[in-house]
């Protein structure tokens, strides 16, 4: 995605704020959601 965003600059301007937002999400908040989505095995 970084190669694609470098080729299409407006993607970089849109993805970097989302990256900062995602980095602030605690893992204990997304882990139970992923377990519900993908099950109890390695996929979650």
ModelCIF file with pLDDT and N, C-alpha, C, O atoms, coordinates in Angstrom:
data_MODEL
#
_entry.id   MODEL 
#
_entity.id                         1 
_entity.type                       polymer 
_entity.pdbx_number_of_molecules   1 
#
_entity_poly.entity_id                      1 
_entity_poly.type                           'polypeptide(L)' 
_entity_poly.nstd_linkage                   no 
_entity_poly.nstd_monomer                   no 
_entity_poly.pdbx_seq_one_letter_code       
;(UNK)(UNK)(UNK)(UNK)(UNK)(UNK)(UNK)(UNK)(UNK)(UNK)(UNK)(UNK)(UNK)(UNK)(UNK)(UNK)
(UNK)(UNK)(UNK)(UNK)(UNK)(UNK)(UNK)(UNK)(UNK)(UNK)(UNK)(UNK)(UNK)(UNK)(UNK)(UNK)
(UNK)(UNK)(UNK)(UNK)(UNK)(UNK)(UNK)(UNK)(UNK)(UNK)(UNK)(UNK)
;
_entity_poly.pdbx_seq_one_letter_code_can   XXXXXXXXXXXXXXXXXXXXXXXXXXXXXXXXXXXXXXXXXXXX 
_entity_poly.pdbx_strand_id                 A 
#
loop_
_entity_poly_seq.entity_id 
_entity_poly_seq.num 
_entity_poly_seq.mon_id 
_entity_poly_seq.hetero 
1 1  UNK n 
1 2  UNK n 
1 3  UNK n 
1 4  UNK n 
1 5  UNK n 
1 6  UNK n 
1 7  UNK n 
1 8  UNK n 
1 9  UNK n 
1 10 UNK n 
1 11 UNK n 
1 12 UNK n 
1 13 UNK n 
1 14 UNK n 
1 15 UNK n 
1 16 UNK n 
1 17 UNK n 
1 18 UNK n 
1 19 UNK n 
1 20 UNK n 
1 21 UNK n 
1 22 UNK n 
1 23 UNK n 
1 24 UNK n 
1 25 UNK n 
1 26 UNK n 
1 27 UNK n 
1 28 UNK n 
1 29 UNK n 
1 30 UNK n 
1 31 UNK n 
1 32 UNK n 
1 33 UNK n 
1 34 UNK n 
1 35 UNK n 
1 36 UNK n 
1 37 UNK n 
1 38 UNK n 
1 39 UNK n 
1 40 UNK n 
1 41 UNK n 
1 42 UNK n 
1 43 UNK n 
1 44 UNK n 
#
_struct_asym.id          A 
_struct_asym.entity_id   1 
#
loop_
_ma_qa_metric.id 
_ma_qa_metric.mode 
_ma_qa_metric.name 
_ma_qa_metric.software_group_id 
_ma_qa_metric.type 
1 global pLDDT . pLDDT 
2 local  pLDDT . pLDDT 
#
_ma_qa_metric_global.metric_id      1 
_ma_qa_metric_global.metric_value   80.98 
_ma_qa_metric_global.model_id       1 
_ma_qa_metric_global.ordinal_id     1 
#
loop_
_ma_qa_metric_local.label_asym_id 
_ma_qa_metric_local.label_comp_id 
_ma_qa_metric_local.label_seq_id 
_ma_qa_metric_local.metric_id 
_ma_qa_metric_local.metric_value 
_ma_qa_metric_local.model_id 
_ma_qa_metric_local.ordinal_id 
A UNK 1  2 90.00 1 1  
A UNK 2  2 89.00 1 2  
A UNK 3  2 89.00 1 3  
A UNK 4  2 88.00 1 4  
A UNK 5  2 86.00 1 5  
A UNK 6  2 83.00 1 6  
A UNK 7  2 84.00 1 7  
A UNK 8  2 82.00 1 8  
A UNK 9  2 77.00 1 9  
A UNK 10 2 76.00 1 10 
A UNK 11 2 77.00 1 11 
A UNK 12 2 72.00 1 12 
A UNK 13 2 76.00 1 13 
A UNK 14 2 75.00 1 14 
A UNK 15 2 74.00 1 15 
A UNK 16 2 74.00 1 16 
A UNK 17 2 77.00 1 17 
A UNK 18 2 76.00 1 18 
A UNK 19 2 72.00 1 19 
A UNK 20 2 73.00 1 20 
A UNK 21 2 76.00 1 21 
A UNK 22 2 72.00 1 22 
A UNK 23 2 72.00 1 23 
A UNK 24 2 75.00 1 24 
A UNK 25 2 77.00 1 25 
A UNK 26 2 79.00 1 26 
A UNK 27 2 79.00 1 27 
A UNK 28 2 80.00 1 28 
A UNK 29 2 80.00 1 29 
A UNK 30 2 84.00 1 30 
A UNK 31 2 84.00 1 31 
A UNK 32 2 85.00 1 32 
A UNK 33 2 87.00 1 33 
A UNK 34 2 87.00 1 34 
A UNK 35 2 84.00 1 35 
A UNK 36 2 86.00 1 36 
A UNK 37 2 88.00 1 37 
A UNK 38 2 87.00 1 38 
A UNK 39 2 83.00 1 39 
A UNK 40 2 82.00 1 40 
A UNK 41 2 84.00 1 41 
A UNK 42 2 86.00 1 42 
A UNK 43 2 88.00 1 43 
A UNK 44 2 88.00 1 44 
#
loop_
_atom_site.group_PDB 
_atom_site.id 
_atom_site.type_symbol 
_atom_site.label_atom_id 
_atom_site.label_alt_id 
_atom_site.label_comp_id 
_atom_site.label_asym_id 
_atom_site.label_entity_id 
_atom_site.label_seq_id 
_atom_site.pdbx_PDB_ins_code 
_atom_site.Cartn_x 
_atom_site.Cartn_y 
_atom_site.Cartn_z 
_atom_site.occupancy 
_atom_site.B_iso_or_equiv 
_atom_site.pdbx_formal_charge 
_atom_site.auth_seq_id 
_atom_site.auth_comp_id 
_atom_site.auth_asym_id 
_atom_site.auth_atom_id 
_atom_site.pdbx_PDB_model_num 
ATOM 1   N N  . UNK A 1 1  ? 0.835   -1.197  0.000  1.00 90.00 ? 1  UNK A N  1 
ATOM 2   C CA . UNK A 1 1  ? 0.000   0.000   0.000  1.00 90.00 ? 1  UNK A CA 1 
ATOM 3   C C  . UNK A 1 1  ? 0.876   1.256   0.000  1.00 90.00 ? 1  UNK A C  1 
ATOM 4   O O  . UNK A 1 1  ? 0.494   2.273   -0.578 1.00 90.00 ? 1  UNK A O  1 
ATOM 5   N N  . UNK A 1 2  ? 2.043   1.194   0.642  1.00 89.00 ? 2  UNK A N  1 
ATOM 6   C CA . UNK A 1 2  ? 2.950   2.341   0.619  1.00 89.00 ? 2  UNK A CA 1 
ATOM 7   C C  . UNK A 1 2  ? 3.446   2.622   -0.790 1.00 89.00 ? 2  UNK A C  1 
ATOM 8   O O  . UNK A 1 2  ? 3.548   3.783   -1.185 1.00 89.00 ? 2  UNK A O  1 
ATOM 9   N N  . UNK A 1 3  ? 3.759   1.572   -1.564 1.00 89.00 ? 3  UNK A N  1 
ATOM 10  C CA . UNK A 1 3  ? 4.169   1.772   -2.954 1.00 89.00 ? 3  UNK A CA 1 
ATOM 11  C C  . UNK A 1 3  ? 3.031   2.398   -3.753 1.00 89.00 ? 3  UNK A C  1 
ATOM 12  O O  . UNK A 1 3  ? 3.248   3.307   -4.555 1.00 89.00 ? 3  UNK A O  1 
ATOM 13  N N  . UNK A 1 4  ? 1.804   1.897   -3.523 1.00 88.00 ? 4  UNK A N  1 
ATOM 14  C CA . UNK A 1 4  ? 0.651   2.458   -4.217 1.00 88.00 ? 4  UNK A CA 1 
ATOM 15  C C  . UNK A 1 4  ? 0.410   3.906   -3.818 1.00 88.00 ? 4  UNK A C  1 
ATOM 16  O O  . UNK A 1 4  ? 0.110   4.746   -4.666 1.00 88.00 ? 4  UNK A O  1 
ATOM 17  N N  . UNK A 1 5  ? 0.542   4.201   -2.516 1.00 86.00 ? 5  UNK A N  1 
ATOM 18  C CA . UNK A 1 5  ? 0.324   5.578   -2.055 1.00 86.00 ? 5  UNK A CA 1 
ATOM 19  C C  . UNK A 1 5  ? 1.425   6.507   -2.561 1.00 86.00 ? 5  UNK A C  1 
ATOM 20  O O  . UNK A 1 5  ? 1.179   7.691   -2.792 1.00 86.00 ? 5  UNK A O  1 
ATOM 21  N N  . UNK A 1 6  ? 2.628   5.981   -2.732 1.00 83.00 ? 6  UNK A N  1 
ATOM 22  C CA . UNK A 1 6  ? 3.698   6.813   -3.283 1.00 83.00 ? 6  UNK A CA 1 
ATOM 23  C C  . UNK A 1 6  ? 3.424   7.124   -4.755 1.00 83.00 ? 6  UNK A C  1 
ATOM 24  O O  . UNK A 1 6  ? 3.749   8.205   -5.245 1.00 83.00 ? 6  UNK A O  1 
ATOM 25  N N  . UNK A 1 7  ? 2.824   6.162   -5.446 1.00 84.00 ? 7  UNK A N  1 
ATOM 26  C CA . UNK A 1 7  ? 2.505   6.380   -6.861 1.00 84.00 ? 7  UNK A CA 1 
ATOM 27  C C  . UNK A 1 7  ? 1.299   7.291   -7.010 1.00 84.00 ? 7  UNK A C  1 
ATOM 28  O O  . UNK A 1 7  ? 1.229   8.072   -7.959 1.00 84.00 ? 7  UNK A O  1 
ATOM 29  N N  . UNK A 1 8  ? 0.345   7.202   -6.084 1.00 82.00 ? 8  UNK A N  1 
ATOM 30  C CA . UNK A 1 8  ? -0.870  8.023   -6.124 1.00 82.00 ? 8  UNK A CA 1 
ATOM 31  C C  . UNK A 1 8  ? -0.858  8.890   -4.863 1.00 82.00 ? 8  UNK A C  1 
ATOM 32  O O  . UNK A 1 8  ? -1.357  8.448   -3.828 1.00 82.00 ? 8  UNK A O  1 
ATOM 33  N N  . UNK A 1 9  ? -0.312  10.097  -4.909 1.00 77.00 ? 9  UNK A N  1 
ATOM 34  C CA . UNK A 1 9  ? -0.046  10.875  -3.682 1.00 77.00 ? 9  UNK A CA 1 
ATOM 35  C C  . UNK A 1 9  ? -1.261  11.144  -2.814 1.00 77.00 ? 9  UNK A C  1 
ATOM 36  O O  . UNK A 1 9  ? -1.129  11.221  -1.593 1.00 77.00 ? 9  UNK A O  1 
ATOM 37  N N  . UNK A 1 10 ? -2.456  11.292  -3.412 1.00 76.00 ? 10 UNK A N  1 
ATOM 38  C CA . UNK A 1 10 ? -3.606  11.635  -2.570 1.00 76.00 ? 10 UNK A CA 1 
ATOM 39  C C  . UNK A 1 10 ? -3.935  10.491  -1.607 1.00 76.00 ? 10 UNK A C  1 
ATOM 40  O O  . UNK A 1 10 ? -4.543  10.727  -0.563 1.00 76.00 ? 10 UNK A O  1 
ATOM 41  N N  . UNK A 1 11 ? -3.542  9.245   -1.942 1.00 77.00 ? 11 UNK A N  1 
ATOM 42  C CA . UNK A 1 11 ? -3.759  8.135   -1.021 1.00 77.00 ? 11 UNK A CA 1 
ATOM 43  C C  . UNK A 1 11 ? -2.925  8.304   0.248  1.00 77.00 ? 11 UNK A C  1 
ATOM 44  O O  . UNK A 1 11 ? -3.387  7.994   1.346  1.00 77.00 ? 11 UNK A O  1 
ATOM 45  N N  . UNK A 1 12 ? -1.707  8.793   0.093  1.00 72.00 ? 12 UNK A N  1 
ATOM 46  C CA . UNK A 1 12 ? -0.849  9.009   1.263  1.00 72.00 ? 12 UNK A CA 1 
ATOM 47  C C  . UNK A 1 12 ? -1.459  10.055  2.184  1.00 72.00 ? 12 UNK A C  1 
ATOM 48  O O  . UNK A 1 12 ? -1.465  9.886   3.403  1.00 72.00 ? 12 UNK A O  1 
ATOM 49  N N  . UNK A 1 13 ? -1.970  11.134  1.603  1.00 76.00 ? 13 UNK A N  1 
ATOM 50  C CA . UNK A 1 13 ? -2.579  12.177  2.436  1.00 76.00 ? 13 UNK A CA 1 
ATOM 51  C C  . UNK A 1 13 ? -3.823  11.669  3.150  1.00 76.00 ? 13 UNK A C  1 
ATOM 52  O O  . UNK A 1 13 ? -4.167  12.164  4.223  1.00 76.00 ? 13 UNK A O  1 
ATOM 53  N N  . UNK A 1 14 ? -4.494  10.692  2.571  1.00 75.00 ? 14 UNK A N  1 
ATOM 54  C CA . UNK A 1 14 ? -5.681  10.157  3.225  1.00 75.00 ? 14 UNK A CA 1 
ATOM 55  C C  . UNK A 1 14 ? -5.380  9.029   4.197  1.00 75.00 ? 14 UNK A C  1 
ATOM 56  O O  . UNK A 1 14 ? -6.094  8.860   5.185  1.00 75.00 ? 14 UNK A O  1 
ATOM 57  N N  . UNK A 1 15 ? -4.321  8.244   3.930  1.00 74.00 ? 15 UNK A N  1 
ATOM 58  C CA . UNK A 1 15 ? -4.034  7.083   4.770  1.00 74.00 ? 15 UNK A CA 1 
ATOM 59  C C  . UNK A 1 15 ? -3.267  7.436   6.038  1.00 74.00 ? 15 UNK A C  1 
ATOM 60  O O  . UNK A 1 15 ? -3.458  6.787   7.067  1.00 74.00 ? 15 UNK A O  1 
ATOM 61  N N  . UNK A 1 16 ? -2.405  8.449   5.989  1.00 74.00 ? 16 UNK A N  1 
ATOM 62  C CA . UNK A 1 16 ? -1.597  8.761   7.174  1.00 74.00 ? 16 UNK A CA 1 
ATOM 63  C C  . UNK A 1 16 ? -2.453  9.170   8.371  1.00 74.00 ? 16 UNK A C  1 
ATOM 64  O O  . UNK A 1 16 ? -2.173  8.706   9.476  1.00 74.00 ? 16 UNK A O  1 
ATOM 65  N N  . UNK A 1 17 ? -3.482  10.012  8.217  1.00 77.00 ? 17 UNK A N  1 
ATOM 66  C CA . UNK A 1 17 ? -4.349  10.279  9.387  1.00 77.00 ? 17 UNK A CA 1 
ATOM 67  C C  . UNK A 1 17 ? -5.028  9.025   9.908  1.00 77.00 ? 17 UNK A C  1 
ATOM 68  O O  . UNK A 1 17 ? -5.191  8.863   11.118 1.00 77.00 ? 17 UNK A O  1 
ATOM 69  N N  . UNK A 1 18 ? -5.435  8.117   8.988  1.00 76.00 ? 18 UNK A N  1 
ATOM 70  C CA . UNK A 1 18 ? -6.037  6.863   9.432  1.00 76.00 ? 18 UNK A CA 1 
ATOM 71  C C  . UNK A 1 18 ? -5.016  6.009   10.184 1.00 76.00 ? 18 UNK A C  1 
ATOM 72  O O  . UNK A 1 18 ? -5.357  5.315   11.142 1.00 76.00 ? 18 UNK A O  1 
ATOM 73  N N  . UNK A 1 19 ? -3.748  6.070   9.732  1.00 72.00 ? 19 UNK A N  1 
ATOM 74  C CA . UNK A 1 19 ? -2.710  5.332   10.438 1.00 72.00 ? 19 UNK A CA 1 
ATOM 75  C C  . UNK A 1 19 ? -2.528  5.822   11.857 1.00 72.00 ? 19 UNK A C  1 
ATOM 76  O O  . UNK A 1 19 ? -2.386  5.019   12.779 1.00 72.00 ? 19 UNK A O  1 
ATOM 77  N N  . UNK A 1 20 ? -2.530  7.140   12.045 1.00 73.00 ? 20 UNK A N  1 
ATOM 78  C CA . UNK A 1 20 ? -2.425  7.684   13.401 1.00 73.00 ? 20 UNK A CA 1 
ATOM 79  C C  . UNK A 1 20 ? -3.621  7.284   14.254 1.00 73.00 ? 20 UNK A C  1 
ATOM 80  O O  . UNK A 1 20 ? -3.478  7.011   15.446 1.00 73.00 ? 20 UNK A O  1 
ATOM 81  N N  . UNK A 1 21 ? -4.801  7.251   13.639 1.00 76.00 ? 21 UNK A N  1 
ATOM 82  C CA . UNK A 1 21 ? -5.999  6.853   14.373 1.00 76.00 ? 21 UNK A CA 1 
ATOM 83  C C  . UNK A 1 21 ? -5.923  5.385   14.771 1.00 76.00 ? 21 UNK A C  1 
ATOM 84  O O  . UNK A 1 21 ? -6.246  5.033   15.906 1.00 76.00 ? 21 UNK A O  1 
ATOM 85  N N  . UNK A 1 22 ? -5.496  4.523   13.845 1.00 72.00 ? 22 UNK A N  1 
ATOM 86  C CA . UNK A 1 22 ? -5.412  3.092   14.143 1.00 72.00 ? 22 UNK A CA 1 
ATOM 87  C C  . UNK A 1 22 ? -4.361  2.803   15.199 1.00 72.00 ? 22 UNK A C  1 
ATOM 88  O O  . UNK A 1 22 ? -4.528  1.888   16.006 1.00 72.00 ? 22 UNK A O  1 
ATOM 89  N N  . UNK A 1 23 ? -3.285  3.569   15.202 1.00 72.00 ? 23 UNK A N  1 
ATOM 90  C CA . UNK A 1 23 ? -2.232  3.341   16.193 1.00 72.00 ? 23 UNK A CA 1 
ATOM 91  C C  . UNK A 1 23 ? -2.706  3.665   17.601 1.00 72.00 ? 23 UNK A C  1 
ATOM 92  O O  . UNK A 1 23 ? -2.153  3.155   18.575 1.00 72.00 ? 23 UNK A O  1 
ATOM 93  N N  . UNK A 1 24 ? -3.720  4.504   17.714 1.00 75.00 ? 24 UNK A N  1 
ATOM 94  C CA . UNK A 1 24 ? -4.222  4.880   19.042 1.00 75.00 ? 24 UNK A CA 1 
ATOM 95  C C  . UNK A 1 24 ? -5.243  3.893   19.585 1.00 75.00 ? 24 UNK A C  1 
ATOM 96  O O  . UNK A 1 24 ? -5.631  3.990   20.749 1.00 75.00 ? 24 UNK A O  1 
ATOM 97  N N  . UNK A 1 25 ? -5.687  2.942   18.763 1.00 77.00 ? 25 UNK A N  1 
ATOM 98  C CA . UNK A 1 25 ? -6.677  1.963   19.229 1.00 77.00 ? 25 UNK A CA 1 
ATOM 99  C C  . UNK A 1 25 ? -5.975  0.906   20.062 1.00 77.00 ? 25 UNK A C  1 
ATOM 100 O O  . UNK A 1 25 ? -5.034  0.285   19.566 1.00 77.00 ? 25 UNK A O  1 
ATOM 101 N N  . UNK A 1 26 ? -6.381  0.671   21.297 1.00 79.00 ? 26 UNK A N  1 
ATOM 102 C CA . UNK A 1 26 ? -5.716  -0.355  22.121 1.00 79.00 ? 26 UNK A CA 1 
ATOM 103 C C  . UNK A 1 26 ? -6.000  -1.745  21.597 1.00 79.00 ? 26 UNK A C  1 
ATOM 104 O O  . UNK A 1 26 ? -7.087  -2.030  21.093 1.00 79.00 ? 26 UNK A O  1 
ATOM 105 N N  . UNK A 1 27 ? -4.990  -2.618  21.727 1.00 79.00 ? 27 UNK A N  1 
ATOM 106 C CA . UNK A 1 27 ? -5.149  -3.978  21.218 1.00 79.00 ? 27 UNK A CA 1 
ATOM 107 C C  . UNK A 1 27 ? -6.239  -4.730  21.962 1.00 79.00 ? 27 UNK A C  1 
ATOM 108 O O  . UNK A 1 27 ? -6.891  -5.603  21.389 1.00 79.00 ? 27 UNK A O  1 
ATOM 109 N N  . UNK A 1 28 ? -6.445  -4.400  23.242 1.00 80.00 ? 28 UNK A N  1 
ATOM 110 C CA . UNK A 1 28 ? -7.510  -5.074  23.991 1.00 80.00 ? 28 UNK A CA 1 
ATOM 111 C C  . UNK A 1 28 ? -8.887  -4.675  23.495 1.00 80.00 ? 28 UNK A C  1 
ATOM 112 O O  . UNK A 1 28 ? -9.877  -5.326  23.828 1.00 80.00 ? 28 UNK A O  1 
ATOM 113 N N  . UNK A 1 29 ? -8.963  -3.593  22.689 1.00 80.00 ? 29 UNK A N  1 
ATOM 114 C CA . UNK A 1 29 ? -10.243 -3.198  22.130 1.00 80.00 ? 29 UNK A CA 1 
ATOM 115 C C  . UNK A 1 29 ? -10.569 -3.928  20.839 1.00 80.00 ? 29 UNK A C  1 
ATOM 116 O O  . UNK A 1 29 ? -11.728 -4.253  20.582 1.00 80.00 ? 29 UNK A O  1 
ATOM 117 N N  . UNK A 1 30 ? -9.543  -4.191  20.015 1.00 84.00 ? 30 UNK A N  1 
ATOM 118 C CA . UNK A 1 30 ? -9.805  -4.840  18.732 1.00 84.00 ? 30 UNK A CA 1 
ATOM 119 C C  . UNK A 1 30 ? -9.712  -6.360  18.821 1.00 84.00 ? 30 UNK A C  1 
ATOM 120 O O  . UNK A 1 30 ? -10.281 -7.059  17.982 1.00 84.00 ? 30 UNK A O  1 
ATOM 121 N N  . UNK A 1 31 ? -9.003  -6.885  19.826 1.00 84.00 ? 31 UNK A N  1 
ATOM 122 C CA . UNK A 1 31 ? -8.818  -8.336  19.909 1.00 84.00 ? 31 UNK A CA 1 
ATOM 123 C C  . UNK A 1 31 ? -10.138 -9.090  20.045 1.00 84.00 ? 31 UNK A C  1 
ATOM 124 O O  . UNK A 1 31 ? -10.357 -10.041 19.296 1.00 84.00 ? 31 UNK A O  1 
ATOM 125 N N  . UNK A 1 32 ? -11.038 -8.708  20.976 1.00 85.00 ? 32 UNK A N  1 
ATOM 126 C CA . UNK A 1 32 ? -12.303 -9.461  21.061 1.00 85.00 ? 32 UNK A CA 1 
ATOM 127 C C  . UNK A 1 32 ? -13.163 -9.340  19.812 1.00 85.00 ? 32 UNK A C  1 
ATOM 128 O O  . UNK A 1 32 ? -13.909 -10.259 19.473 1.00 85.00 ? 32 UNK A O  1 
ATOM 129 N N  . UNK A 1 33 ? -13.058 -8.198  19.124 1.00 87.00 ? 33 UNK A N  1 
ATOM 130 C CA . UNK A 1 33 ? -13.828 -8.039  17.884 1.00 87.00 ? 33 UNK A CA 1 
ATOM 131 C C  . UNK A 1 33 ? -13.307 -8.999  16.818 1.00 87.00 ? 33 UNK A C  1 
ATOM 132 O O  . UNK A 1 33 ? -14.090 -9.638  16.116 1.00 87.00 ? 33 UNK A O  1 
ATOM 133 N N  . UNK A 1 34 ? -11.988 -9.096  16.701 1.00 87.00 ? 34 UNK A N  1 
ATOM 134 C CA . UNK A 1 34 ? -11.409 -10.002 15.713 1.00 87.00 ? 34 UNK A CA 1 
ATOM 135 C C  . UNK A 1 34 ? -11.721 -11.461 16.037 1.00 87.00 ? 34 UNK A C  1 
ATOM 136 O O  . UNK A 1 34 ? -11.897 -12.276 15.131 1.00 87.00 ? 34 UNK A O  1 
ATOM 137 N N  . UNK A 1 35 ? -11.789 -11.791 17.320 1.00 84.00 ? 35 UNK A N  1 
ATOM 138 C CA . UNK A 1 35 ? -12.138 -13.161 17.698 1.00 84.00 ? 35 UNK A CA 1 
ATOM 139 C C  . UNK A 1 35 ? -13.572 -13.474 17.281 1.00 84.00 ? 35 UNK A C  1 
ATOM 140 O O  . UNK A 1 35 ? -13.859 -14.582 16.829 1.00 84.00 ? 35 UNK A O  1 
ATOM 141 N N  . UNK A 1 36 ? -14.468 -12.510 17.430 1.00 86.00 ? 36 UNK A N  1 
ATOM 142 C CA . UNK A 1 36 ? -15.854 -12.725 17.006 1.00 86.00 ? 36 UNK A CA 1 
ATOM 143 C C  . UNK A 1 36 ? -15.961 -12.814 15.490 1.00 86.00 ? 36 UNK A C  1 
ATOM 144 O O  . UNK A 1 36 ? -16.785 -13.566 14.969 1.00 86.00 ? 36 UNK A O  1 
ATOM 145 N N  . UNK A 1 37 ? -15.140 -12.053 14.782 1.00 88.00 ? 37 UNK A N  1 
ATOM 146 C CA . UNK A 1 37 ? -15.201 -12.050 13.324 1.00 88.00 ? 37 UNK A CA 1 
ATOM 147 C C  . UNK A 1 37 ? -14.587 -13.309 12.706 1.00 88.00 ? 37 UNK A C  1 
ATOM 148 O O  . UNK A 1 37 ? -15.159 -13.901 11.791 1.00 88.00 ? 37 UNK A O  1 
ATOM 149 N N  . UNK A 1 38 ? -13.426 -13.709 13.210 1.00 87.00 ? 38 UNK A N  1 
ATOM 150 C CA . UNK A 1 38 ? -12.639 -14.747 12.546 1.00 87.00 ? 38 UNK A CA 1 
ATOM 151 C C  . UNK A 1 38 ? -12.554 -16.055 13.335 1.00 87.00 ? 38 UNK A C  1 
ATOM 152 O O  . UNK A 1 38 ? -11.921 -17.001 12.867 1.00 87.00 ? 38 UNK A O  1 
ATOM 153 N N  . UNK A 1 39 ? -13.157 -16.138 14.489 1.00 83.00 ? 39 UNK A N  1 
ATOM 154 C CA . UNK A 1 39 ? -13.145 -17.385 15.238 1.00 83.00 ? 39 UNK A CA 1 
ATOM 155 C C  . UNK A 1 39 ? -11.995 -17.464 16.227 1.00 83.00 ? 39 UNK A C  1 
ATOM 156 O O  . UNK A 1 39 ? -11.246 -16.505 16.410 1.00 83.00 ? 39 UNK A O  1 
ATOM 157 N N  . UNK A 1 40 ? -11.868 -18.631 16.865 1.00 82.00 ? 40 UNK A N  1 
ATOM 158 C CA . UNK A 1 40 ? -10.916 -18.798 17.955 1.00 82.00 ? 40 UNK A CA 1 
ATOM 159 C C  . UNK A 1 40 ? -9.557  -19.313 17.506 1.00 82.00 ? 40 UNK A C  1 
ATOM 160 O O  . UNK A 1 40 ? -8.632  -19.378 18.315 1.00 82.00 ? 40 UNK A O  1 
ATOM 161 N N  . UNK A 1 41 ? -9.413  -19.680 16.240 1.00 84.00 ? 41 UNK A N  1 
ATOM 162 C CA . UNK A 1 41 ? -8.141  -20.239 15.803 1.00 84.00 ? 41 UNK A CA 1 
ATOM 163 C C  . UNK A 1 41 ? -7.175  -19.113 15.422 1.00 84.00 ? 41 UNK A C  1 
ATOM 164 O O  . UNK A 1 41 ? -7.390  -17.954 15.777 1.00 84.00 ? 41 UNK A O  1 
ATOM 165 N N  . UNK A 1 42 ? -6.110  -19.466 14.696 1.00 86.00 ? 42 UNK A N  1 
ATOM 166 C CA . UNK A 1 42 ? -5.031  -18.517 14.420 1.00 86.00 ? 42 UNK A CA 1 
ATOM 167 C C  . UNK A 1 42 ? -5.474  -17.338 13.566 1.00 86.00 ? 42 UNK A C  1 
ATOM 168 O O  . UNK A 1 42 ? -4.817  -16.296 13.575 1.00 86.00 ? 42 UNK A O  1 
ATOM 169 N N  . UNK A 1 43 ? -6.593  -17.479 12.815 1.00 88.00 ? 43 UNK A N  1 
ATOM 170 C CA . UNK A 1 43 ? -7.004  -16.404 11.916 1.00 88.00 ? 43 UNK A CA 1 
ATOM 171 C C  . UNK A 1 43 ? -7.299  -15.103 12.664 1.00 88.00 ? 43 UNK A C  1 
ATOM 172 O O  . UNK A 1 43 ? -6.948  -14.022 12.191 1.00 88.00 ? 43 UNK A O  1 
ATOM 173 N N  . UNK A 1 44 ? -7.942  -15.206 13.830 1.00 88.00 ? 44 UNK A N  1 
ATOM 174 C CA . UNK A 1 44 ? -8.259  -13.991 14.583 1.00 88.00 ? 44 UNK A CA 1 
ATOM 175 C C  . UNK A 1 44 ? -6.984  -13.342 15.133 1.00 88.00 ? 44 UNK A C  1 
ATOM 176 O O  . UNK A 1 44 ? -7.055  -12.306 15.795 1.00 88.00 ? 44 UNK A O  1 
#
